[in-house]
C-alpha atoms as a PDB file:
ATOM      1  CA  MET A   1       0.213   0.414   0.253  1.00  0.00           C
ATOM      2  CA  PRO A   2       1.631   3.571  -0.930  1.00  0.00           C
ATOM      3  CA  PHE A   3      -0.267   4.985   0.084  1.00  0.00           C
ATOM      4  CA  LEU A   4       0.527   4.680   4.057  1.00  0.00           C
ATOM      5  CA  GLY A   5       4.575   4.419   2.928  1.00  0.00           C
ATOM      6  CA  ARG A   6       3.278   8.073   1.854  1.00  0.00           C
ATOM      7  CA  TYR A   7       1.598   9.092   4.417  1.00  0.00           C
ATOM      8  CA  ARG A   8       4.173   7.762   7.149  1.00  0.00           C
ATOM      9  CA  SER A   9       6.542   9.573   5.946  1.00  0.00           C
ATOM     10  CA  LYS A  10       4.501  12.878   5.991  1.00  0.00           C
ATOM     11  CA  LEU A  11       3.870  11.646   9.359  1.00  0.00           C
ATOM     12  CA  GLU A  12       7.884  11.574  10.129  1.00  0.00           C
ATOM     13  CA  LYS A  13       8.604  14.726   8.552  1.00  0.00           C
ATOM     14  CA  SER A  14       6.152  16.712  10.854  1.00  0.00           C
ATOM     15  CA  ILE A  15       6.687  15.002  13.797  1.00  0.00           C
ATOM     16  CA  GLU A  16      10.577  16.136  13.054  1.00  0.00           C
ATOM     17  CA  LYS A  17       9.880  19.706  12.410  1.00  0.00           C
ATOM     18  CA  GLN A  18       7.684  19.655  15.985  1.00  0.00           C
ATOM     19  CA  PHE A  19      10.660  18.645  17.789  1.00  0.00           C
ATOM     20  CA  LYS A  20      12.597  20.748  15.975  1.00  0.00           C
ATOM     21  CA  ASN A  21      10.506  23.287  17.019  1.00  0.00           C
ATOM     22  CA  ASP A  22      10.162  22.777  20.593  1.00  0.00           C
ATOM     23  CA  LEU A  23      14.020  22.064  20.601  1.00  0.00           C
ATOM     24  CA  GLU A  24      14.811  25.266  19.416  1.00  0.00           C
ATOM     25  CA  THR A  25      12.300  27.175  21.938  1.00  0.00           C
ATOM     26  CA  ILE A  26      13.203  25.440  25.031  1.00  0.00           C
ATOM     27  CA  LEU A  27      17.389  25.571  24.617  1.00  0.00           C
ATOM     28  CA  THR A  28      16.329  28.805  23.445  1.00  0.00           C
ATOM     29  CA  THR A  29      14.307  30.075  26.840  1.00  0.00           C
ATOM     30  CA  LEU A  30      16.923  27.876  28.727  1.00  0.00           C
ATOM     31  CA  TYR A  31      19.694  29.394  27.650  1.00  0.00           C
ATOM     32  CA  SER A  32      17.431  32.898  27.702  1.00  0.00           C
ATOM     33  CA  GLN A  33      17.219  32.186  31.479  1.00  0.00           C
ATOM     34  CA  LEU A  34      20.751  30.266  32.327  1.00  0.00           C
ATOM     35  CA  GLY A  35      23.424  32.258  30.423  1.00  0.00           C
ATOM     36  CA  THR A  36      25.519  30.000  29.610  1.00  0.00           C
ATOM     37  CA  VAL A  37      25.526  26.872  27.033  1.00  0.00           C
ATOM     38  CA  ASP A  38      27.282  25.254  30.332  1.00  0.00           C
ATOM     39  CA  ALA A  39      24.223  25.979  32.674  1.00  0.00           C
ATOM     40  CA  VAL A  40      21.921  24.458  29.752  1.00  0.00           C
ATOM     41  CA  ALA A  41      23.935  21.010  29.450  1.00  0.00           C
ATOM     42  CA  SER A  42      23.580  20.858  33.425  1.00  0.00           C
ATOM     43  CA  MET A  43      20.224  21.715  33.353  1.00  0.00           C
ATOM     44  CA  LEU A  44      19.074  19.192  30.719  1.00  0.00           C
ATOM     45  CA  GLN A  45      21.177  16.672  32.208  1.00  0.00           C
ATOM     46  CA  LYS A  46      23.011  15.901  28.533  1.00  0.00           C
ATOM     47  CA  PRO A  47      27.144  15.977  27.704  1.00  0.00           C
ATOM     48  CA  LEU A  48      28.389  19.331  26.807  1.00  0.00           C
ATOM     49  CA  GLY A  49      29.167  18.971  23.230  1.00  0.00           C
ATOM     50  CA  THR A  50      25.904  17.199  22.740  1.00  0.00           C
ATOM     51  CA  VAL A  51      24.027  21.215  23.516  1.00  0.00           C
ATOM     52  CA  PHE A  52      26.612  22.649  21.694  1.00  0.00           C
ATOM     53  CA  TYR A  53      25.766  20.491  18.604  1.00  0.00           C
ATOM     54  CA  TRP A  54      21.955  21.260  18.734  1.00  0.00           C
ATOM     55  CA  PHE A  55      23.006  24.881  19.418  1.00  0.00           C
ATOM     56  CA  SER A  56      24.915  24.478  15.828  1.00  0.00           C
ATOM     57  CA  LYS A  57      22.584  22.598  14.199  1.00  0.00           C
ATOM     58  CA  TYR A  58      19.394  25.110  14.461  1.00  0.00           C
ATOM     59  CA  ASN A  59      20.763  27.932  13.845  1.00  0.00           C
ATOM     60  CA  ILE A  60      20.526  28.872  18.147  1.00  0.00           C
ATOM     61  CA  PRO A  61      22.326  32.833  18.901  1.00  0.00           C
ATOM     62  CA  ARG A  62      24.940  32.305  21.392  1.00  0.00           C
ATOM     63  CA  LYS A  63      26.752  35.149  23.192  1.00  0.00           C
ATOM     64  CA  PRO A  64      30.783  34.465  21.953  1.00  0.00           C
ATOM     65  CA  TRP A  65      32.929  33.512  23.800  1.00  0.00           C
ATOM     66  CA  PRO A  66      34.434  35.477  26.238  1.00  0.00           C
ATOM     67  CA  ARG A  67      38.105  37.081  24.810  1.00  0.00           C
ATOM     68  CA  PRO A  68      40.500  38.533  27.120  1.00  0.00           C
ATOM     69  CA  SER A  69      40.833  41.933  26.868  1.00  0.00           C
ATOM     70  CA  ILE A  70      43.825  43.798  27.006  1.00  0.00           C
ATOM     71  CA  ASN A  71      43.931  46.901  29.799  1.00  0.00           C
ATOM     72  CA  SER A  72      45.685  50.120  28.952  1.00  0.00           C
ATOM     73  CA  SER A  73      46.571  50.503  32.607  1.00  0.00           C
ATOM     74  CA  GLN A  74      48.271  47.394  32.499  1.00  0.00           C
ATOM     75  CA  GLU A  75      50.943  48.242  30.168  1.00  0.00           C
ATOM     76  CA  THR A  76      54.219  49.000  31.496  1.00  0.00           C
ATOM     77  CA  THR A  77      56.136  51.781  29.476  1.00  0.00           C
ATOM     78  CA  LEU A  78      60.064  51.341  29.561  1.00  0.00           C
ATOM     79  CA  GLU A  79      61.467  55.348  30.660  1.00  0.00           C
END
């Protein structure tokens, strides 16, 4: 029965799309509340690498890695 195969395929795609939307919503909400991907991974009890993969796969915006700032007051001058 080819009809059932097409129906199953459409149903699977619909479920995948809904899962993707739900996961994006969950990750975005948790990230906005907790502030770090590490905290999101801890909250979901998932490995950090898995959560980073989800963020990159679904293009969920996050803050860039903190970079050390160069403070001019720390520079020394030779006299």
